Amino acid sequence: MPSYLSPGVYVEEVQAGSRPIEGVGTAVAAFVGLAQRGPFNEPVLVTNWSQFTGSFGEFIEGSYLAHAVYAYFLNGGGACYVVRVGADGALPIARAELPATDKGAAMRVAALEAGPAGNDISVEVAEPSEPGEGVFKLVVRQAGKLVETFDNVTTGRGKQSVATAVKTQSKVITLEEAGSQAPAVGTKVDLTGGATTVPARVSPDDYVGNAADRTGFAGLEAIDDVTMLCVPDLMAVYEQGVIDLEGVQAVQLAMIAHAELMGDRVAILDTPPGLNAQQIKEWREEKARYDSKYAALYWPWVKVFDPLAGQTRFVPPSGHIAGIWARSDSERGVHKAPANEVIRGAISLELQITKSEHDQLNPSGINAIRSFPGRGIRVWGARTLSSDPAWRYLNIRRLFNYVEESILEGTQWVVFEPNDIRLWERVKRTINAFLLGTWRDGALFGTTPGEAYYVKCDAETNPPDVIDRGQLVVEVGIAPVKPAEFVIFRIAQYAGGAALSE
């Protein structure tokens, strides 16, 4: 309390009313996969496609990461974290050896730029303008055009060292001397070995990672903003035979465990490619026996245009789905089931399923993607993989994540406050104000706030023994709005105008 020692007028600022709770973000995805370049095992915040290409490169063979991130932004995603994994994840570099005047190699030459661009480079050893013992000229061409010339250079150290000249001046190649011999004059070599395929030297552990070392998606434990987890390149390495189906299941189980541990995010799972309706049902019920309210499974794959190949290809749908979740949250709110939404960028589906086939898949928690005449390709499912009917629908899980995280972050001021009736009332006012706004947004069921939610914080929830333990217990109950998954019209014949009279 301030001291009042002399007569006068004093002005004091006091805390009045409840402190507002701001709703947390609900649509921040995390993508884990293989990339052309970029930080290794470090989550990088990306807010648009240009930032992704600047940090991680363009589309590459043997990876679905770029396709997933592109589809995420195309379908309405705003921000995401990207984690690059793999042994090194770098594209192969084109290389060649310049033979010596005697046997063996004199120099090893490599392209500065990784990938197929290096295959267009050739290096020639020519006569120098000033002939001398051990002196030569190195000519570098790219796509048949002269790009660099290093004249009157020698091997070894000194002012005329070819290694020093290339290191300090070349923008095309790197050079390493294999010995003291000079290269044979008149020799010309073409660099080879550059490719667009990322070496898939990965294992399930590379994807899962370790929270302590901040590797894989386990390293995302340090980032509270993430609400969606996608690993599209899990299917890329499966197609290449690097990981088998058991490895796929091991990674997906780890994704589910990560989401359950964090309690504020949902794992979006892809299915193996090339499965028909019967095969995906068997895979779900006999192998992928996941049971979690923090995971959702989507099938089949979607066909998109691949700029790298200049033609279409099928890709796993997790990136498209994450973007649709973000778009639905922005346009309607997290309480709206992210289904009956058009998938932007999808040309067709890997398999067109029938209604009878869908009837067999929906109860198993397989969210189908379907094509409807005149209505495009749409997400036609909004279920989790939980066997608990209370957590059957995806929007309910995500709504609770939103409410729980918002209350958690918005009530940090309560810690170490005097635990008395005045604090109880302030906490109740704070949470009631937040839930009232949530109800007005249409996220809670009920015609009145009393039907939609309740907040209880009194002597009953906080008896003396609870207070003595330093605890403040607040009970919050909400009635979420469930989606109209089955719309039923009962139509009967009606004899208009007919009436019975006695």
Protein backbone atom coordinates (compact mmCIF):
# COMPACT_ATOMS: atom_id res chain seq x y z
CA MET A 1 0.00 0.00 0.00
CA PRO A 2 1.27 3.54 -0.74
CA SER A 3 2.09 5.89 2.11
CA TYR A 4 -0.02 9.00 2.69
CA LEU A 5 2.11 11.38 4.77
CA SER A 6 0.89 14.79 3.73
CA PRO A 7 -2.52 16.23 2.84
CA GLY A 8 -3.32 16.17 -0.85
CA VAL A 9 -5.07 14.37 -3.71
CA TYR A 10 -3.64 11.01 -4.76
CA VAL A 11 -4.33 9.09 -7.96
CA GLU A 12 -3.85 5.33 -8.03
CA GLU A 13 -4.28 2.77 -10.79
CA VAL A 14 -6.20 -0.32 -9.70
CA GLN A 15 -7.19 -3.51 -11.49
CA ALA A 16 -10.92 -3.45 -12.20
CA GLY A 17 -13.07 -6.23 -13.60
CA SER A 18 -11.77 -9.40 -15.22
CA ARG A 19 -8.66 -9.77 -17.31
CA PRO A 20 -9.43 -10.72 -20.90
CA ILE A 21 -8.48 -14.09 -22.37
CA GLU A 22 -7.37 -13.90 -25.97
CA GLY A 23 -8.03 -16.91 -28.16
CA VAL A 24 -4.89 -18.72 -29.29
CA GLY A 25 -4.13 -19.58 -32.90
CA THR A 26 -5.58 -22.83 -34.18
CA ALA A 27 -4.03 -23.20 -37.62
CA VAL A 28 -0.23 -23.48 -37.54
CA ALA A 29 1.07 -26.60 -39.26
CA ALA A 30 4.41 -28.35 -38.90
CA PHE A 31 5.91 -30.27 -41.84
CA VAL A 32 8.75 -32.76 -41.50
CA GLY A 33 10.55 -34.09 -44.57
CA LEU A 34 13.37 -34.01 -47.11
CA ALA A 35 14.45 -30.79 -48.79
CA GLN A 36 17.01 -29.61 -51.32
CA ARG A 37 18.82 -27.42 -48.82
CA GLY A 38 18.24 -25.45 -45.64
CA PRO A 39 18.85 -25.80 -41.90
CA PHE A 40 19.10 -29.39 -40.76
CA ASN A 41 16.80 -30.55 -37.92
CA GLU A 42 15.82 -26.99 -37.07
CA PRO A 43 12.19 -25.81 -37.14
CA VAL A 44 11.98 -22.80 -39.46
CA LEU A 45 8.92 -20.52 -39.52
CA VAL A 46 7.62 -20.05 -43.06
CA THR A 47 4.71 -17.75 -43.92
CA ASN A 48 4.57 -18.05 -47.73
CA TRP A 49 5.80 -20.15 -50.62
CA SER A 50 8.61 -17.72 -51.53
CA GLN A 51 10.07 -18.03 -48.05
CA PHE A 52 10.01 -21.81 -48.33
CA THR A 53 11.82 -21.87 -51.67
CA GLY A 54 14.33 -19.35 -50.39
CA SER A 55 15.15 -21.50 -47.36
CA PHE A 56 14.60 -25.07 -48.59
CA GLY A 57 14.63 -24.98 -52.39
CA GLU A 58 12.16 -26.02 -55.06
CA PHE A 59 10.37 -29.28 -55.89
CA ILE A 60 12.70 -32.27 -55.96
CA GLU A 61 12.37 -35.93 -56.84
CA GLY A 62 11.98 -38.39 -54.00
CA SER A 63 10.27 -35.89 -51.73
CA TYR A 64 6.71 -34.71 -51.11
CA LEU A 65 7.63 -31.95 -48.67
CA ALA A 66 7.57 -29.11 -51.22
CA HIS A 67 4.27 -30.36 -52.66
CA ALA A 68 2.72 -30.49 -49.17
CA VAL A 69 3.84 -26.97 -48.21
CA TYR A 70 2.72 -25.57 -51.58
CA ALA A 71 -0.70 -27.22 -51.16
CA TYR A 72 -0.93 -25.88 -47.61
CA PHE A 73 -0.54 -22.27 -48.72
CA LEU A 74 -2.73 -22.84 -51.80
CA ASN A 75 -5.61 -24.10 -49.65
CA GLY A 76 -5.53 -21.25 -47.16
CA GLY A 77 -2.68 -21.94 -44.76
CA GLY A 78 -1.05 -18.89 -43.22
CA ALA A 79 2.06 -19.95 -41.30
CA CYS A 80 3.89 -23.20 -40.72
CA TYR A 81 7.10 -24.66 -39.37
CA VAL A 82 9.31 -26.79 -41.60
CA VAL A 83 11.80 -29.33 -40.25
CA ARG A 84 14.32 -30.78 -42.69
CA VAL A 85 15.48 -34.30 -41.84
CA GLY A 86 17.60 -37.01 -43.46
CA ALA A 87 21.20 -38.10 -43.40
CA ASP A 88 22.15 -34.85 -45.06
CA GLY A 89 19.22 -34.26 -47.38
CA ALA A 90 21.44 -32.57 -49.96
CA LEU A 91 21.18 -33.11 -53.68
CA PRO A 92 24.04 -35.04 -55.34
CA ILE A 93 26.82 -32.86 -56.75
CA ALA A 94 28.30 -33.41 -60.22
CA ARG A 95 32.00 -34.37 -60.09
CA ALA A 96 34.93 -35.41 -62.30
CA GLU A 97 38.67 -36.11 -62.10
CA LEU A 98 41.39 -34.54 -64.23
CA PRO A 99 44.03 -37.15 -65.08
CA ALA A 100 47.71 -36.47 -64.42
CA THR A 101 50.47 -36.53 -67.02
CA ASP A 102 51.46 -39.88 -65.55
CA LYS A 103 49.00 -42.35 -64.05
CA GLY A 104 46.36 -41.38 -61.52
CA ALA A 105 44.33 -38.26 -60.92
CA ALA A 106 45.81 -34.79 -60.71
CA MET A 107 42.73 -32.91 -59.54
CA ARG A 108 39.16 -33.52 -58.42
CA VAL A 109 36.62 -31.04 -59.73
CA ALA A 110 33.06 -30.55 -58.41
CA ALA A 111 30.20 -28.21 -59.24
CA LEU A 112 29.38 -25.48 -56.76
CA GLU A 113 25.65 -25.89 -57.33
CA ALA A 114 24.13 -29.19 -56.30
CA GLY A 115 21.72 -31.01 -58.58
CA PRO A 116 21.49 -31.57 -62.33
CA ALA A 117 22.83 -28.11 -63.25
CA GLY A 118 26.33 -29.39 -62.59
CA ASN A 119 26.02 -31.99 -65.35
CA ASP A 120 26.30 -29.20 -67.93
CA ILE A 121 29.81 -28.23 -66.81
CA SER A 122 32.99 -29.30 -68.59
CA VAL A 123 36.61 -28.57 -67.63
CA GLU A 124 39.50 -28.54 -70.12
CA VAL A 125 43.27 -28.29 -69.60
CA ALA A 126 44.79 -26.16 -72.40
CA GLU A 127 48.11 -24.61 -73.36
CA PRO A 128 48.87 -21.45 -71.34
CA SER A 129 49.54 -18.05 -72.90
CA GLU A 130 53.01 -18.08 -71.29
CA PRO A 131 54.45 -21.61 -71.69
CA GLY A 132 56.55 -22.98 -68.87
CA GLU A 133 57.23 -26.13 -66.90
CA GLY A 134 54.12 -27.24 -65.07
CA VAL A 135 52.13 -24.23 -66.30
CA PHE A 136 48.71 -24.71 -67.89
CA LYS A 137 45.37 -23.04 -68.53
CA LEU A 138 42.08 -24.25 -67.03
CA VAL A 139 38.99 -23.58 -69.16
CA VAL A 140 35.48 -23.99 -67.68
CA ARG A 141 32.42 -24.22 -69.88
CA GLN A 142 28.76 -24.54 -68.94
CA ALA A 143 26.15 -25.69 -71.45
CA GLY A 144 28.83 -25.32 -74.12
CA LYS A 145 29.55 -21.67 -73.33
CA LEU A 146 32.86 -20.37 -71.98
CA VAL A 147 32.29 -19.07 -68.44
CA GLU A 148 35.68 -19.01 -66.70
CA THR A 149 39.37 -19.17 -67.60
CA PHE A 150 42.34 -19.58 -65.28
CA ASP A 151 45.53 -18.90 -67.29
CA ASN A 152 49.16 -19.51 -66.38
CA VAL A 153 48.39 -21.54 -63.26
CA THR A 154 50.33 -24.36 -61.62
CA THR A 155 49.78 -27.02 -59.01
CA GLY A 156 50.93 -26.67 -55.44
CA ARG A 157 51.20 -23.47 -53.47
CA GLY A 158 52.30 -20.06 -54.64
CA LYS A 159 51.06 -17.02 -56.51
CA GLN A 160 50.02 -19.10 -59.51
CA SER A 161 48.30 -21.89 -57.58
CA VAL A 162 45.28 -23.18 -59.49
CA ALA A 163 43.58 -24.28 -56.26
CA THR A 164 43.84 -20.77 -54.81
CA ALA A 165 42.65 -19.13 -58.03
CA VAL A 166 39.59 -21.37 -58.31
CA LYS A 167 38.73 -21.02 -54.63
CA THR A 168 38.82 -17.23 -54.67
CA GLN A 169 37.45 -16.50 -58.14
CA SER A 170 35.28 -19.33 -59.47
CA LYS A 171 31.50 -19.12 -59.25
CA VAL A 172 30.97 -22.46 -60.98
CA ILE A 173 33.37 -25.13 -59.66
CA THR A 174 35.48 -26.19 -56.71
CA LEU A 175 38.85 -27.88 -57.13
CA GLU A 176 40.93 -30.19 -54.96
CA GLU A 177 44.43 -31.33 -55.86
CA ALA A 178 44.92 -35.10 -55.67
CA GLY A 179 48.72 -34.90 -55.77
CA SER A 180 51.69 -32.82 -56.92
CA GLN A 181 51.45 -33.79 -60.57
CA ALA A 182 50.08 -31.39 -63.15
CA PRO A 183 47.09 -32.38 -65.25
CA ALA A 184 47.66 -33.56 -68.78
CA VAL A 185 47.34 -30.74 -71.32
CA GLY A 186 44.59 -31.37 -73.87
CA THR A 187 42.43 -33.28 -71.39
CA LYS A 188 38.75 -32.47 -71.18
CA VAL A 189 36.27 -33.94 -68.69
CA ASP A 190 32.51 -33.56 -68.22
CA LEU A 191 31.10 -33.37 -64.71
CA THR A 192 28.51 -36.05 -63.96
CA GLY A 193 26.46 -37.34 -61.06
CA GLY A 194 24.26 -34.34 -60.36
CA ALA A 195 20.62 -35.31 -59.84
CA THR A 196 17.31 -33.97 -58.57
CA THR A 197 16.68 -36.91 -56.25
CA VAL A 198 17.47 -36.48 -52.58
CA PRO A 199 19.30 -39.53 -51.22
CA ALA A 200 16.73 -41.24 -49.02
CA ARG A 201 19.17 -42.28 -46.30
CA VAL A 202 16.63 -41.98 -43.53
CA SER A 203 15.20 -44.25 -40.88
CA PRO A 204 12.13 -43.94 -38.64
CA ASP A 205 14.39 -42.45 -35.95
CA ASP A 206 15.25 -39.54 -38.26
CA TYR A 207 11.59 -38.55 -38.44
CA VAL A 208 10.79 -39.15 -34.79
CA GLY A 209 13.94 -37.51 -33.49
CA ASN A 210 14.74 -36.64 -29.90
CA ALA A 211 13.24 -33.86 -27.80
CA ALA A 212 16.46 -33.27 -25.85
CA ASP A 213 18.51 -32.84 -29.03
CA ARG A 214 15.68 -30.91 -30.78
CA THR A 215 15.68 -33.32 -33.74
CA GLY A 216 12.80 -34.68 -35.85
CA PHE A 217 9.26 -33.79 -34.90
CA ALA A 218 10.09 -34.48 -31.25
CA GLY A 219 11.97 -31.19 -31.39
CA LEU A 220 8.64 -29.45 -31.98
CA GLU A 221 7.84 -29.91 -28.29
CA ALA A 222 9.59 -26.58 -27.76
CA ILE A 223 7.12 -24.76 -30.07
CA ASP A 224 3.69 -24.14 -28.54
CA ASP A 225 2.21 -22.54 -31.67
CA VAL A 226 1.99 -25.79 -33.64
CA THR A 227 -1.52 -27.26 -33.92
CA MET A 228 -1.10 -29.68 -36.86
CA LEU A 229 1.63 -32.23 -37.57
CA CYS A 230 2.30 -33.62 -41.08
CA VAL A 231 5.06 -35.96 -42.28
CA PRO A 232 4.38 -36.32 -46.03
CA ASP A 233 7.84 -37.65 -46.86
CA LEU A 234 7.22 -40.74 -44.77
CA MET A 235 5.43 -42.07 -47.84
CA ALA A 236 8.25 -40.91 -50.14
CA VAL A 237 10.82 -43.11 -48.43
CA TYR A 238 8.30 -45.94 -48.23
CA GLU A 239 7.88 -45.82 -52.01
CA GLN A 240 11.67 -45.98 -52.41
CA GLY A 241 11.83 -49.07 -50.20
CA VAL A 242 13.90 -47.38 -47.50
CA ILE A 243 11.20 -47.89 -44.85
CA ASP A 244 8.72 -50.77 -44.85
CA LEU A 245 5.10 -50.70 -43.67
CA GLU A 246 6.12 -51.50 -40.10
CA GLY A 247 8.44 -48.50 -40.19
CA VAL A 248 5.57 -46.37 -41.48
CA GLN A 249 3.40 -47.51 -38.60
CA ALA A 250 6.20 -46.86 -36.10
CA VAL A 251 6.54 -43.25 -37.27
CA GLN A 252 2.78 -42.68 -37.30
CA LEU A 253 2.46 -44.11 -33.79
CA ALA A 254 5.20 -41.72 -32.70
CA MET A 255 3.31 -38.84 -34.34
CA ILE A 256 0.19 -39.78 -32.37
CA ALA A 257 2.20 -40.10 -29.15
CA HIS A 258 3.72 -36.66 -29.76
CA ALA A 259 0.29 -35.09 -30.29
CA GLU A 260 -1.13 -36.77 -27.18
CA LEU A 261 1.86 -35.73 -25.10
CA MET A 262 1.56 -32.09 -26.16
CA GLY A 263 -2.25 -32.06 -25.94
CA ASP A 264 -2.56 -29.03 -28.22
CA ARG A 265 -2.09 -30.47 -31.72
CA VAL A 266 -3.49 -33.14 -34.03
CA ALA A 267 -1.53 -35.50 -36.29
CA ILE A 268 -2.68 -35.66 -39.92
CA LEU A 269 -1.85 -39.14 -41.21
CA ASP A 270 -1.39 -40.27 -44.81
CA THR A 271 -2.12 -43.75 -46.09
CA PRO A 272 0.18 -45.91 -48.24
CA PRO A 273 -0.26 -45.32 -51.98
CA GLY A 274 -2.09 -47.53 -54.43
CA LEU A 275 -4.66 -49.04 -52.05
CA ASN A 276 -8.26 -49.66 -53.11
CA ALA A 277 -11.25 -49.41 -50.77
CA GLN A 278 -10.97 -52.99 -49.52
CA GLN A 279 -7.21 -52.75 -49.00
CA ILE A 280 -7.39 -49.48 -47.07
CA LYS A 281 -10.08 -50.93 -44.82
CA GLU A 282 -7.93 -53.99 -44.13
CA TRP A 283 -4.85 -51.84 -43.54
CA ARG A 284 -6.74 -49.65 -41.07
CA GLU A 285 -8.37 -52.49 -39.14
CA GLU A 286 -5.62 -55.14 -39.23
CA LYS A 287 -2.35 -53.18 -39.26
CA ALA A 288 -2.88 -49.50 -38.43
CA ARG A 289 -5.00 -50.12 -35.36
CA TYR A 290 -4.59 -46.60 -34.09
CA ASP A 291 -7.02 -45.39 -31.43
CA SER A 292 -6.52 -41.72 -30.64
CA LYS A 293 -8.54 -38.54 -30.45
CA TYR A 294 -5.43 -36.61 -31.48
CA ALA A 295 -5.09 -38.07 -34.98
CA ALA A 296 -7.01 -38.07 -38.27
CA LEU A 297 -6.52 -40.24 -41.36
CA TYR A 298 -7.28 -39.17 -44.95
CA TRP A 299 -7.51 -41.24 -48.15
CA PRO A 300 -7.02 -41.47 -51.16
CA TRP A 301 -4.06 -39.57 -52.63
CA VAL A 302 -4.69 -36.61 -54.91
CA LYS A 303 -3.30 -35.86 -58.37
CA VAL A 304 -1.52 -32.52 -58.78
CA PHE A 305 0.73 -30.88 -61.37
CA ASP A 306 4.43 -31.43 -60.78
CA PRO A 307 6.50 -28.49 -62.14
CA LEU A 308 9.70 -30.53 -61.87
CA ALA A 309 8.53 -33.30 -64.21
CA GLY A 310 6.20 -31.10 -66.24
CA GLN A 311 3.35 -33.56 -65.75
CA THR A 312 0.87 -34.70 -63.13
CA ARG A 313 1.58 -37.04 -60.22
CA PHE A 314 -0.15 -38.39 -57.13
CA VAL A 315 0.83 -36.97 -53.74
CA PRO A 316 -0.31 -37.69 -50.17
CA PRO A 317 -3.11 -35.31 -49.13
CA SER A 318 -1.85 -34.18 -45.69
CA GLY A 319 -0.60 -30.79 -46.97
CA HIS A 320 -3.93 -30.05 -48.68
CA ILE A 321 -5.83 -31.10 -45.55
CA ALA A 322 -3.75 -28.88 -43.27
CA GLY A 323 -4.49 -25.91 -45.53
CA ILE A 324 -8.21 -26.71 -45.49
CA TRP A 325 -8.18 -26.83 -41.69
CA ALA A 326 -6.59 -23.38 -41.65
CA ARG A 327 -9.06 -22.04 -44.22
CA SER A 328 -12.06 -23.41 -42.34
CA ASP A 329 -10.80 -21.92 -39.07
CA SER A 330 -10.36 -18.52 -40.70
CA GLU A 331 -13.72 -18.45 -42.49
CA ARG A 332 -15.97 -20.26 -40.02
CA GLY A 333 -14.07 -20.97 -36.80
CA VAL A 334 -12.39 -23.96 -35.20
CA HIS A 335 -15.78 -25.32 -34.11
CA LYS A 336 -16.77 -25.94 -37.75
CA ALA A 337 -15.91 -29.44 -38.97
CA PRO A 338 -13.27 -29.02 -41.73
CA ALA A 339 -15.21 -31.09 -44.23
CA ASN A 340 -17.37 -30.51 -47.33
CA GLU A 341 -14.57 -28.22 -48.46
CA VAL A 342 -13.08 -28.06 -51.96
CA ILE A 343 -9.46 -29.18 -52.29
CA ARG A 344 -7.68 -26.52 -54.32
CA GLY A 345 -5.06 -27.73 -56.76
CA ALA A 346 -6.39 -31.30 -56.93
CA ILE A 347 -6.89 -32.47 -60.52
CA SER A 348 -8.32 -35.88 -59.71
CA LEU A 349 -8.09 -38.70 -57.17
CA GLU A 350 -6.11 -41.90 -57.09
CA LEU A 351 -9.39 -43.78 -56.80
CA GLN A 352 -13.03 -42.76 -57.25
CA ILE A 353 -14.97 -44.53 -54.53
CA THR A 354 -18.67 -45.30 -54.43
CA LYS A 355 -21.14 -44.56 -51.66
CA SER A 356 -21.32 -48.21 -50.66
CA GLU A 357 -17.53 -48.32 -50.32
CA HIS A 358 -17.61 -45.14 -48.28
CA ASP A 359 -20.21 -46.74 -46.01
CA GLN A 360 -17.60 -49.31 -45.04
CA LEU A 361 -14.79 -46.81 -44.45
CA ASN A 362 -16.43 -44.00 -42.48
CA PRO A 363 -17.14 -46.04 -39.31
CA SER A 364 -13.44 -46.97 -39.20
CA GLY A 365 -12.43 -43.31 -39.00
CA ILE A 366 -11.12 -43.10 -42.57
CA ASN A 367 -11.90 -39.61 -43.86
CA ALA A 368 -12.56 -40.07 -47.55
CA ILE A 369 -11.82 -37.54 -50.26
CA ARG A 370 -14.46 -37.73 -52.96
CA SER A 371 -15.23 -36.19 -56.34
CA PHE A 372 -18.78 -35.01 -57.00
CA PRO A 373 -20.14 -34.01 -60.42
CA GLY A 374 -20.40 -30.24 -60.60
CA ARG A 375 -19.06 -29.80 -57.04
CA GLY A 376 -15.40 -30.64 -57.45
CA ILE A 377 -13.12 -32.71 -55.22
CA ARG A 378 -14.07 -32.35 -51.57
CA VAL A 379 -13.08 -33.61 -48.15
CA TRP A 380 -15.96 -35.86 -47.10
CA GLY A 381 -15.09 -36.83 -43.55
CA ALA A 382 -14.30 -35.16 -40.23
CA ARG A 383 -13.57 -37.95 -37.79
CA THR A 384 -10.70 -38.69 -35.47
CA LEU A 385 -9.28 -42.17 -34.97
CA SER A 386 -10.84 -42.47 -31.52
CA SER A 387 -13.19 -45.29 -30.55
CA ASP A 388 -14.74 -43.04 -27.89
CA PRO A 389 -18.02 -41.56 -29.25
CA ALA A 390 -17.45 -38.40 -27.20
CA TRP A 391 -14.32 -37.64 -29.26
CA ARG A 392 -15.51 -38.99 -32.60
CA TYR A 393 -15.53 -35.66 -34.42
CA LEU A 394 -12.42 -33.73 -35.29
CA ASN A 395 -13.88 -30.27 -34.66
CA ILE A 396 -14.70 -31.19 -31.04
CA ARG A 397 -11.11 -32.22 -30.36
CA ARG A 398 -9.75 -29.06 -31.95
CA LEU A 399 -12.31 -26.86 -30.15
CA PHE A 400 -11.23 -28.28 -26.79
CA ASN A 401 -7.59 -27.72 -27.75
CA TYR A 402 -8.45 -24.10 -28.51
CA VAL A 403 -10.39 -23.52 -25.28
CA GLU A 404 -7.86 -25.29 -23.07
CA GLU A 405 -4.83 -23.50 -24.54
CA SER A 406 -6.57 -20.10 -24.46
CA ILE A 407 -7.53 -20.48 -20.80
CA LEU A 408 -4.08 -21.80 -19.95
CA GLU A 409 -2.29 -18.82 -21.49
CA GLY A 410 -4.88 -16.22 -20.41
CA THR A 411 -4.84 -17.08 -16.70
CA GLN A 412 -1.11 -17.10 -15.96
CA TRP A 413 -1.64 -13.98 -13.85
CA VAL A 414 -3.48 -16.11 -11.24
CA VAL A 415 -0.32 -17.93 -10.12
CA PHE A 416 0.82 -16.86 -6.59
CA GLU A 417 -2.22 -14.59 -6.08
CA PRO A 418 -3.90 -14.80 -2.64
CA ASN A 419 -6.17 -17.85 -2.83
CA ASP A 420 -9.38 -16.39 -1.42
CA ILE A 421 -12.97 -15.71 -2.49
CA ARG A 422 -12.01 -12.51 -4.30
CA LEU A 423 -9.58 -14.43 -6.50
CA TRP A 424 -12.22 -17.10 -7.16
CA GLU A 425 -14.67 -14.49 -8.39
CA ARG A 426 -12.10 -12.80 -10.58
CA VAL A 427 -11.15 -16.11 -12.21
CA LYS A 428 -14.82 -16.94 -12.81
CA ARG A 429 -15.45 -13.56 -14.42
CA THR A 430 -12.41 -13.97 -16.64
CA ILE A 431 -13.34 -17.42 -17.92
CA ASN A 432 -17.06 -16.58 -18.20
CA ALA A 433 -16.27 -13.59 -20.41
CA PHE A 434 -14.14 -15.75 -22.72
CA LEU A 435 -16.70 -18.54 -22.97
CA LEU A 436 -19.49 -16.03 -23.59
CA GLY A 437 -17.64 -14.79 -26.66
CA THR A 438 -17.01 -18.37 -27.76
CA TRP A 439 -20.74 -19.13 -27.45
CA ARG A 440 -21.67 -16.03 -29.42
CA ASP A 441 -19.34 -17.19 -32.19
CA GLY A 442 -21.47 -20.31 -32.51
CA ALA A 443 -18.94 -22.75 -31.08
CA LEU A 444 -21.09 -23.91 -28.14
CA PHE A 445 -24.52 -25.54 -28.15
CA GLY A 446 -27.41 -23.88 -26.32
CA THR A 447 -29.92 -21.06 -26.61
CA THR A 448 -28.53 -19.36 -23.50
CA PRO A 449 -25.05 -19.13 -21.98
CA GLY A 450 -26.27 -21.25 -19.08
CA GLU A 451 -27.02 -24.10 -21.46
CA ALA A 452 -23.72 -23.73 -23.30
CA TYR A 453 -21.18 -23.70 -20.45
CA TYR A 454 -20.58 -23.35 -16.73
CA VAL A 455 -17.66 -22.23 -14.54
CA LYS A 456 -17.46 -23.37 -10.93
CA CYS A 457 -14.87 -21.99 -8.52
CA ASP A 458 -16.01 -21.80 -4.89
CA ALA A 459 -15.56 -23.35 -1.47
CA GLU A 460 -16.83 -26.68 -2.79
CA THR A 461 -14.07 -27.02 -5.39
CA ASN A 462 -11.52 -25.40 -3.06
CA PRO A 463 -11.90 -26.85 0.45
CA PRO A 464 -9.26 -26.06 3.09
CA ASP A 465 -7.12 -29.13 2.31
CA VAL A 466 -6.92 -28.09 -1.36
CA ILE A 467 -5.96 -24.54 -0.41
CA ASP A 468 -3.32 -25.87 2.01
CA ARG A 469 -1.72 -27.73 -0.88
CA GLY A 470 -1.39 -24.44 -2.76
CA GLN A 471 -4.00 -25.39 -5.35
CA LEU A 472 -6.83 -23.48 -6.98
CA VAL A 473 -9.38 -25.77 -8.64
CA VAL A 474 -11.74 -24.43 -11.30
CA GLU A 475 -14.29 -26.64 -13.03
CA VAL A 476 -15.25 -25.65 -16.56
CA GLY A 477 -17.87 -27.43 -18.63
CA ILE A 478 -18.72 -26.67 -22.24
CA ALA A 479 -21.28 -28.11 -24.66
CA PRO A 480 -19.61 -28.30 -28.08
CA VAL A 481 -21.56 -28.11 -31.32
CA LYS A 482 -21.41 -31.40 -33.20
CA PRO A 483 -21.55 -31.58 -37.00
CA ALA A 484 -24.62 -32.73 -38.91
CA GLU A 485 -22.85 -35.72 -40.41
CA PHE A 486 -26.05 -37.50 -41.42
CA VAL A 487 -28.84 -35.33 -42.82
CA ILE A 488 -32.11 -37.26 -42.94
CA PHE A 489 -35.31 -36.12 -44.63
CA ARG A 490 -38.39 -38.21 -43.88
CA ILE A 491 -40.83 -37.79 -46.74
CA ALA A 492 -44.34 -39.26 -46.83
CA GLN A 493 -47.38 -38.91 -49.00
CA TYR A 494 -49.75 -36.19 -47.91
CA ALA A 495 -53.33 -35.94 -49.07
CA GLY A 496 -53.52 -32.19 -49.30
CA GLY A 497 -56.91 -30.77 -48.38
CA ALA A 498 -58.40 -34.07 -47.21
CA ALA A 499 -59.91 -34.12 -43.76
CA LEU A 500 -62.01 -36.49 -41.67
CA SER A 501 -65.15 -35.21 -40.03
CA GLU A 502 -67.78 -36.85 -37.87
